[in-house]
Amino acid sequence: MISEAMYELGSKRSTIRELFEYGKKRAAIVGKENVFDFSIGNPTVPAPACVKESILEILETEESSAIHGYTSAQGDLEVRKGLAEYLNKTYGLNVSADNFYMTCGAAASLCISIKALVESSEDEFIAIAPFFPEYRVFTEGNGGKLVVVAPDLASFQVNFEGLEAAINAHTKAVIINSPNNPSGVIYTEETIIKISDLLKRKSEEYGHPIILISDEPYREIAYDHTKVPYITKYYDNTIVCYSYSKSLSLPGDRIGYILVPDEVAESKKLYAAICGAARVLGFVCAPSLFQKVILKCMGQTSDMDVYKANRDLLYNKLTELGFECVHPDGAFYLFVKAMEEDAVAFCEKAKAYDLLLVAGDDFGCPGYVRISYCVDQSMLERSFTAFKKLADEYQNI
């Protein structure tokens, strides 16, 4: 009577969400100030002033039906025109309104894109570890198969030997995420060129295009002037899944888009398939108000310097305490090697000090833990005593 697959997904939260809920329960017992919750990527930096100003302006000047009514299924035309103009100017692209489909954030963008590409249960989508765990849910829930490439633990760029071995006749797409969740690493231009060259060669070998899905919610969170290559300029068969959750600190307002450039093979057919997939999944007409808000806030971001200050503070302190950390060039996560082989057990020991860390196993990277540092700096500073106690527990063994 009930889908067992959907029951399994619904009756058990993701590891991140389970830890987040545990933190709320623990805070009710010991006080919120005594729980150091690094579980979820929920921005604490306020949205920029333009968000509030835009909302007030829209509410005061536009008709209610325009604010709260339906837009076209693929999104408001003026918003999509504004996106095209901004991306063309910023990244030197040549896209139009018709290349965009407005969505309820990056999760919706990814689900729609995967659904649009899946033709049979044999279709494979490749994720390069470490990767966001929900890629598996998005892929398998839409009828595909997720294939995981082991991480390059030396650089956390791309394990090209593993990637090439993973590609076969059933490969539909490769999903990349840079700046990366959970490592914070930004793929270099050299890495992107190598991915592009490999996919071009493999597409020719197997006689069909392999799509590159670029998952980009952290694009604007890059430190020390590190370049984040715009992938469509390197590989024609790229679609971009974008979200304003991080750049404008709007995770709960669910707004983003899919970009399907004309250069993609059968781009018009793929765009139509994306429209169809969104229809099947019920993702038509992204929130009208926030479509209008992003149009007015185009190019603006929250204060990213706060995340950089947190990165520097956390990275320097943890390395001082003896932790081995991947240096993040972007996003707001620190990927740390557990002080024992079993990262899940390590995270359980951390709980004794009310440190909530996410084991890397679900990210395809056992032996590491993710620390989300989009938190108040005061909480970060208070947590160092607990981190020291955790380190001492291992160093005194």
Protein backbone atom coordinates (compact mmCIF):
# COMPACT_ATOMS: atom_id res chain seq x y z
CA MET A 1 0.00 0.00 0.00
CA ILE A 2 2.87 2.37 0.83
CA SER A 3 6.13 2.85 -1.05
CA GLU A 4 8.81 1.19 1.05
CA ALA A 5 11.50 3.33 -0.58
CA MET A 6 9.69 6.55 0.37
CA TYR A 7 8.93 5.18 3.85
CA GLU A 8 12.64 4.54 4.42
CA LEU A 9 13.51 8.07 3.35
CA GLY A 10 10.75 9.67 5.41
CA SER A 11 11.19 7.67 8.60
CA LYS A 12 14.89 8.46 8.93
CA ARG A 13 16.40 11.90 8.62
CA SER A 14 19.78 12.54 7.04
CA THR A 15 22.76 12.33 9.39
CA ILE A 16 23.03 16.13 9.31
CA ARG A 17 19.36 16.66 10.15
CA GLU A 18 19.44 14.03 12.91
CA LEU A 19 22.35 15.83 14.54
CA PHE A 20 20.65 19.20 14.12
CA GLU A 21 17.52 17.89 15.88
CA TYR A 22 19.66 16.30 18.61
CA GLY A 23 21.29 19.69 19.17
CA LYS A 24 17.92 21.36 19.72
CA LYS A 25 16.93 18.73 22.28
CA ARG A 26 20.30 18.97 24.00
CA ALA A 27 20.04 22.80 24.15
CA ALA A 28 16.73 22.48 26.01
CA ILE A 29 18.55 20.47 28.69
CA VAL A 30 21.92 22.22 29.12
CA GLY A 31 21.21 25.62 27.55
CA LYS A 32 21.76 26.72 23.98
CA GLU A 33 24.98 28.53 24.91
CA ASN A 34 26.51 25.23 26.05
CA VAL A 35 25.87 23.31 22.83
CA PHE A 36 28.37 23.77 20.01
CA ASP A 37 26.30 22.85 16.99
CA PHE A 38 28.40 22.65 13.83
CA SER A 39 25.98 20.31 12.06
CA ILE A 40 24.03 22.27 9.48
CA GLY A 41 24.94 24.87 6.84
CA ASN A 42 22.39 27.44 8.02
CA PRO A 43 23.80 30.97 7.44
CA THR A 44 23.93 33.19 10.53
CA VAL A 45 25.13 36.22 8.58
CA PRO A 46 22.08 38.45 7.97
CA ALA A 47 20.69 38.94 4.51
CA PRO A 48 22.00 42.18 2.93
CA ALA A 49 19.93 45.34 3.37
CA CYS A 50 18.73 45.12 -0.23
CA VAL A 51 16.56 42.10 0.65
CA LYS A 52 14.46 43.95 3.23
CA GLU A 53 14.40 47.11 1.14
CA SER A 54 13.27 45.18 -1.93
CA ILE A 55 10.52 43.34 -0.07
CA LEU A 56 9.14 46.59 1.34
CA GLU A 57 9.30 48.31 -2.03
CA ILE A 58 7.57 45.42 -3.77
CA LEU A 59 4.83 45.23 -1.14
CA GLU A 60 4.21 48.96 -1.33
CA THR A 61 4.28 49.42 -5.10
CA GLU A 62 3.01 46.26 -6.77
CA GLU A 63 -0.42 44.66 -7.02
CA SER A 64 -1.12 41.76 -4.68
CA SER A 65 -1.74 39.43 -7.62
CA ALA A 66 1.72 40.22 -8.99
CA ILE A 67 3.35 39.58 -5.62
CA HIS A 68 1.51 36.47 -4.51
CA GLY A 69 0.08 35.11 -7.76
CA TYR A 70 1.48 32.59 -10.19
CA THR A 71 4.27 33.46 -12.58
CA SER A 72 4.89 31.45 -15.73
CA ALA A 73 5.82 27.88 -14.82
CA GLN A 74 9.47 28.51 -15.73
CA GLY A 75 9.58 31.82 -13.86
CA ASP A 76 8.88 35.50 -14.35
CA LEU A 77 10.16 36.71 -17.73
CA GLU A 78 11.62 39.96 -16.38
CA VAL A 79 13.51 38.06 -13.68
CA ARG A 80 14.96 35.66 -16.23
CA LYS A 81 15.94 38.58 -18.47
CA GLY A 82 17.66 40.19 -15.49
CA LEU A 83 19.56 36.98 -14.74
CA ALA A 84 20.74 36.72 -18.33
CA GLU A 85 21.92 40.33 -18.36
CA TYR A 86 23.78 39.91 -15.06
CA LEU A 87 25.52 36.64 -15.98
CA ASN A 88 26.45 37.91 -19.44
CA LYS A 89 28.02 41.02 -17.94
CA THR A 90 29.70 39.26 -14.99
CA TYR A 91 31.03 36.10 -16.65
CA GLY A 92 31.09 36.99 -20.33
CA LEU A 93 28.31 34.57 -21.25
CA ASN A 94 25.81 34.78 -24.09
CA VAL A 95 22.57 33.53 -22.53
CA SER A 96 18.98 34.75 -22.68
CA ALA A 97 15.86 34.53 -20.54
CA ASP A 98 14.90 31.33 -22.33
CA ASN A 99 17.94 29.54 -20.89
CA PHE A 100 16.68 29.82 -17.28
CA TYR A 101 14.18 27.84 -15.25
CA MET A 102 13.43 29.37 -11.83
CA THR A 103 13.36 26.88 -8.94
CA CYS A 104 12.89 26.44 -5.21
CA GLY A 105 16.65 26.41 -4.56
CA ALA A 106 19.52 24.10 -5.52
CA ALA A 107 17.87 20.91 -4.24
CA ALA A 108 14.93 21.45 -6.57
CA SER A 109 17.31 22.38 -9.40
CA LEU A 110 19.25 19.14 -8.97
CA CYS A 111 16.15 16.94 -8.66
CA ILE A 112 14.59 18.48 -11.76
CA SER A 113 17.81 18.19 -13.78
CA ILE A 114 18.36 14.56 -12.85
CA LYS A 115 14.72 13.68 -13.49
CA ALA A 116 14.97 15.32 -16.92
CA LEU A 117 17.99 13.16 -17.84
CA VAL A 118 16.99 9.73 -16.50
CA GLU A 119 15.70 7.37 -19.19
CA SER A 120 16.19 4.00 -17.45
CA SER A 121 17.34 2.49 -14.17
CA GLU A 122 20.70 1.79 -15.82
CA ASP A 123 21.50 5.50 -16.16
CA GLU A 124 24.41 6.51 -13.95
CA PHE A 125 25.28 9.83 -12.33
CA ILE A 126 28.79 10.28 -10.96
CA ALA A 127 29.54 12.13 -7.73
CA ILE A 128 33.12 12.95 -6.77
CA ALA A 129 33.80 12.44 -3.07
CA PRO A 130 33.52 14.24 -0.83
CA PHE A 131 30.01 15.20 -1.96
CA PHE A 132 26.72 16.42 -0.48
CA PRO A 133 24.94 13.24 0.74
CA GLU A 134 21.56 14.20 -0.71
CA TYR A 135 22.96 13.63 -4.21
CA ARG A 136 22.23 9.96 -3.58
CA VAL A 137 18.62 10.69 -2.59
CA PHE A 138 18.10 13.02 -5.55
CA THR A 139 19.53 10.48 -8.00
CA GLU A 140 18.02 7.25 -6.71
CA GLY A 141 14.69 8.92 -5.95
CA ASN A 142 14.45 9.95 -9.61
CA GLY A 143 15.25 6.50 -10.96
CA GLY A 144 18.99 6.76 -11.58
CA LYS A 145 22.07 5.17 -10.05
CA LEU A 146 24.72 7.13 -8.14
CA VAL A 147 28.33 6.13 -8.76
CA VAL A 148 30.87 7.52 -6.29
CA VAL A 149 34.47 8.36 -7.17
CA ALA A 150 36.82 8.05 -4.20
CA PRO A 151 38.37 11.30 -2.95
CA ASP A 152 41.83 12.60 -3.71
CA LEU A 153 42.99 12.84 -0.10
CA ALA A 154 46.19 14.66 -1.07
CA SER A 155 44.57 17.77 -2.55
CA PHE A 156 40.78 17.26 -2.42
CA GLN A 157 40.66 18.27 -6.07
CA VAL A 158 39.55 15.39 -8.35
CA ASN A 159 40.73 11.80 -8.42
CA PHE A 160 41.03 11.66 -12.22
CA GLU A 161 42.09 8.02 -12.36
CA GLY A 162 38.95 7.10 -10.40
CA LEU A 163 36.74 9.43 -12.45
CA GLU A 164 37.91 8.00 -15.77
CA ALA A 165 37.40 4.45 -14.51
CA ALA A 166 33.85 5.30 -13.37
CA ILE A 167 32.69 6.62 -16.74
CA ASN A 168 31.04 4.06 -19.01
CA ALA A 169 28.32 3.74 -21.63
CA HIS A 170 25.62 4.22 -18.95
CA THR A 171 27.03 7.51 -17.64
CA LYS A 172 24.49 10.30 -18.07
CA ALA A 173 26.12 13.04 -16.02
CA VAL A 174 28.87 14.01 -13.62
CA ILE A 175 27.90 16.24 -10.68
CA ILE A 176 30.48 18.70 -9.38
CA ASN A 177 30.26 21.14 -6.48
CA SER A 178 32.80 23.97 -6.18
CA PRO A 179 33.30 25.61 -3.74
CA ASN A 180 32.79 22.21 -2.22
CA ASN A 181 30.54 21.01 0.57
CA PRO A 182 32.07 19.56 2.75
CA SER A 183 35.76 20.28 2.04
CA GLY A 184 35.61 23.99 1.23
CA VAL A 185 38.01 23.32 -1.65
CA ILE A 186 37.58 25.25 -4.90
CA TYR A 187 38.35 23.31 -8.08
CA THR A 188 41.15 25.04 -9.92
CA GLU A 189 40.99 26.06 -13.57
CA GLU A 190 43.43 23.24 -14.31
CA THR A 191 41.03 20.76 -12.69
CA ILE A 192 38.06 22.10 -14.67
CA ILE A 193 40.00 21.91 -17.94
CA LYS A 194 40.99 18.30 -17.18
CA ILE A 195 37.37 17.37 -16.37
CA SER A 196 36.22 19.03 -19.59
CA ASP A 197 38.82 17.27 -21.72
CA LEU A 198 38.00 13.90 -20.14
CA LEU A 199 34.25 14.30 -20.67
CA LYS A 200 34.72 15.41 -24.28
CA ARG A 201 36.84 12.34 -24.95
CA LYS A 202 34.45 9.96 -23.20
CA SER A 203 31.40 11.49 -24.88
CA GLU A 204 33.02 10.80 -28.24
CA GLU A 205 34.03 7.30 -27.18
CA TYR A 206 30.52 6.31 -26.10
CA GLY A 207 28.67 8.22 -28.80
CA HIS A 208 26.52 10.40 -26.57
CA PRO A 209 27.05 13.62 -24.62
CA ILE A 210 27.90 13.33 -20.93
CA ILE A 211 26.32 16.23 -19.07
CA LEU A 212 28.25 18.12 -16.41
CA ILE A 213 25.89 19.30 -13.63
CA SER A 214 27.49 22.17 -11.72
CA ASP A 215 25.93 22.57 -8.26
CA GLU A 216 26.75 26.15 -7.25
CA PRO A 217 25.14 27.38 -4.00
CA TYR A 218 28.54 28.54 -2.67
CA ARG A 219 29.86 30.31 -5.78
CA GLU A 220 30.20 33.72 -4.07
CA ILE A 221 31.83 32.37 -0.90
CA ALA A 222 35.46 32.35 -2.03
CA TYR A 223 38.36 33.69 0.02
CA ASP A 224 41.66 35.40 -0.70
CA HIS A 225 40.63 36.32 -4.28
CA THR A 226 40.52 32.63 -5.25
CA LYS A 227 39.01 32.22 -8.73
CA VAL A 228 35.87 30.11 -9.11
CA PRO A 229 35.82 29.14 -12.82
CA TYR A 230 32.45 29.49 -14.57
CA ILE A 231 32.05 25.96 -15.89
CA THR A 232 29.96 26.66 -19.02
CA LYS A 233 32.94 28.50 -20.49
CA TYR A 234 35.01 25.31 -20.41
CA TYR A 235 32.55 22.54 -21.28
CA ASP A 236 29.59 23.03 -23.62
CA ASN A 237 27.43 20.26 -22.15
CA THR A 238 27.09 21.95 -18.74
CA ILE A 239 23.95 22.85 -16.85
CA VAL A 240 24.17 25.04 -13.75
CA CYS A 241 22.07 24.52 -10.62
CA TYR A 242 22.17 27.67 -8.51
CA SER A 243 20.67 28.83 -5.21
CA TYR A 244 20.53 32.16 -3.37
CA SER A 245 20.40 30.36 -0.01
CA LYS A 246 24.02 31.15 0.80
CA SER A 247 24.86 34.27 -1.23
CA LEU A 248 21.86 36.22 0.12
CA SER A 249 21.37 34.18 3.34
CA LEU A 250 17.92 33.01 2.22
CA PRO A 251 17.92 29.22 2.86
CA GLY A 252 14.34 29.18 4.11
CA ASP A 253 12.97 31.16 1.19
CA ARG A 254 13.91 28.55 -1.42
CA ILE A 255 14.86 30.43 -4.55
CA GLY A 256 17.30 29.51 -7.32
CA TYR A 257 17.48 28.51 -10.97
CA ILE A 258 18.66 26.04 -13.59
CA LEU A 259 20.72 27.41 -16.48
CA VAL A 260 20.67 25.42 -19.74
CA PRO A 261 22.95 27.20 -22.25
CA ASP A 262 22.31 26.91 -25.99
CA GLU A 263 25.65 25.13 -26.37
CA VAL A 264 24.33 22.03 -24.58
CA ALA A 265 23.51 19.18 -26.97
CA GLU A 266 19.79 19.23 -27.82
CA SER A 267 19.45 22.22 -25.49
CA LYS A 268 15.87 23.04 -26.47
CA LYS A 269 14.79 19.44 -25.92
CA LEU A 270 16.65 19.30 -22.60
CA TYR A 271 15.03 22.56 -21.48
CA ALA A 272 11.61 21.14 -22.39
CA ALA A 273 12.47 17.99 -20.42
CA ILE A 274 13.38 20.18 -17.44
CA CYS A 275 9.97 21.87 -17.76
CA GLY A 276 8.38 18.41 -17.85
CA ALA A 277 10.38 17.11 -14.89
CA ALA A 278 9.44 20.17 -12.84
CA ARG A 279 5.81 19.57 -13.75
CA VAL A 280 5.96 15.94 -12.60
CA LEU A 281 7.73 16.88 -9.35
CA GLY A 282 5.39 19.80 -8.65
CA PHE A 283 8.20 22.38 -8.86
CA VAL A 284 6.42 24.85 -11.16
CA CYS A 285 6.36 28.56 -10.34
CA ALA A 286 9.08 29.35 -7.82
CA PRO A 287 8.02 31.78 -5.02
CA SER A 288 6.82 34.91 -6.81
CA LEU A 289 7.90 37.44 -4.19
CA PHE A 290 11.45 36.14 -3.99
CA GLN A 291 11.82 35.99 -7.75
CA LYS A 292 11.21 39.74 -7.66
CA VAL A 293 13.59 40.19 -4.70
CA ILE A 294 16.56 38.54 -6.42
CA LEU A 295 15.99 40.71 -9.48
CA LYS A 296 16.39 43.82 -7.33
CA CYS A 297 19.38 42.34 -5.43
CA MET A 298 21.27 41.04 -8.46
CA GLY A 299 25.01 40.96 -7.78
CA GLN A 300 24.77 41.73 -4.07
CA THR A 301 25.67 39.32 -1.26
CA SER A 302 25.68 38.98 2.48
CA ASP A 303 28.88 39.93 4.33
CA MET A 304 31.24 37.12 3.31
CA ASP A 305 34.07 38.59 5.42
CA VAL A 306 32.36 37.11 8.49
CA TYR A 307 32.84 33.61 7.11
CA LYS A 308 36.46 34.31 6.27
CA ALA A 309 37.10 35.52 9.84
CA ASN A 310 35.46 32.34 11.17
CA ARG A 311 37.50 30.18 8.81
CA ASP A 312 40.78 31.74 9.89
CA LEU A 313 39.91 31.54 13.59
CA LEU A 314 38.76 27.92 13.45
CA TYR A 315 41.46 26.60 11.12
CA ASN A 316 44.29 28.23 13.08
CA LYS A 317 42.98 27.09 16.46
CA LEU A 318 42.26 23.50 15.48
CA THR A 319 45.61 23.02 13.76
CA GLU A 320 47.23 24.48 16.90
CA LEU A 321 45.39 21.83 18.95
CA GLY A 322 46.75 19.06 16.73
CA PHE A 323 43.87 18.48 14.34
CA GLU A 324 44.66 17.81 10.67
CA CYS A 325 42.45 20.11 8.58
CA VAL A 326 41.81 20.60 4.86
CA HIS A 327 42.39 24.29 4.16
CA PRO A 328 39.12 25.72 2.75
CA ASP A 329 39.29 28.30 -0.04
CA GLY A 330 35.52 28.78 -0.03
CA ALA A 331 32.10 27.74 1.31
CA PHE A 332 31.79 27.69 5.11
CA TYR A 333 32.91 24.20 6.10
CA LEU A 334 36.09 22.84 7.60
CA PHE A 335 36.88 19.20 6.79
CA VAL A 336 38.91 17.67 9.59
CA LYS A 337 40.60 14.28 9.89
CA ALA A 338 39.14 12.32 12.79
CA MET A 339 41.60 11.34 15.51
CA GLU A 340 40.68 7.71 15.03
CA GLU A 341 39.88 5.59 11.98
CA ASP A 342 36.15 5.50 12.75
CA ALA A 343 34.81 9.02 12.22
CA VAL A 344 31.35 8.05 13.48
CA ALA A 345 32.83 6.91 16.78
CA PHE A 346 34.89 10.10 16.89
CA CYS A 347 31.74 12.19 16.49
CA GLU A 348 30.04 10.23 19.26
CA LYS A 349 32.94 11.03 21.60
CA ALA A 350 32.69 14.68 20.60
CA LYS A 351 29.05 14.66 21.76
CA ALA A 352 30.27 14.12 25.32
CA TYR A 353 31.61 17.68 25.13
CA ASP A 354 28.46 18.90 23.34
CA LEU A 355 30.43 19.27 20.12
CA LEU A 356 28.16 18.33 17.21
CA LEU A 357 30.28 17.31 14.22
CA VAL A 358 29.15 15.43 11.10
CA ALA A 359 30.99 12.23 10.16
CA GLY A 360 32.37 12.18 6.62
CA ASP A 361 31.10 8.68 5.82
CA ASP A 362 27.88 9.90 4.15
CA PHE A 363 29.98 12.38 2.15
CA GLY A 364 31.88 9.43 0.67
CA CYS A 365 34.95 10.22 2.77
CA PRO A 366 35.31 7.99 5.87
CA GLY A 367 37.79 9.11 8.49
CA TYR A 368 36.90 12.81 8.24
CA VAL A 369 34.33 15.08 9.88
CA ARG A 370 32.62 18.24 8.65
CA ILE A 371 32.42 21.37 10.79
CA SER A 372 29.99 24.03 9.58
CA TYR A 373 31.38 27.40 10.68
CA CYS A 374 28.54 29.65 9.50
CA VAL A 375 27.93 30.30 13.19
CA ASP A 376 28.24 33.19 15.62
CA GLN A 377 31.90 33.91 16.33
CA SER A 378 31.21 33.95 20.07
CA MET A 379 29.99 30.35 19.88
CA LEU A 380 33.06 29.44 17.88
CA GLU A 381 35.33 30.89 20.53
CA ARG A 382 33.44 29.18 23.38
CA SER A 383 33.79 25.83 21.62
CA PHE A 384 37.58 25.78 21.74
CA THR A 385 37.65 24.49 25.32
CA ALA A 386 35.55 21.52 24.21
CA PHE A 387 37.77 20.92 21.17
CA LYS A 388 40.83 20.94 23.44
CA LYS A 389 39.24 18.37 25.76
CA LEU A 390 38.42 16.16 22.77
CA ALA A 391 41.97 16.43 21.42
CA ASP A 392 43.43 15.74 24.88
CA GLU A 393 41.32 12.60 25.18
CA TYR A 394 43.06 11.16 22.12
CA GLN A 395 46.52 12.56 22.76
CA ASN A 396 46.58 11.09 26.26
CA ILE A 397 45.75 7.57 25.13
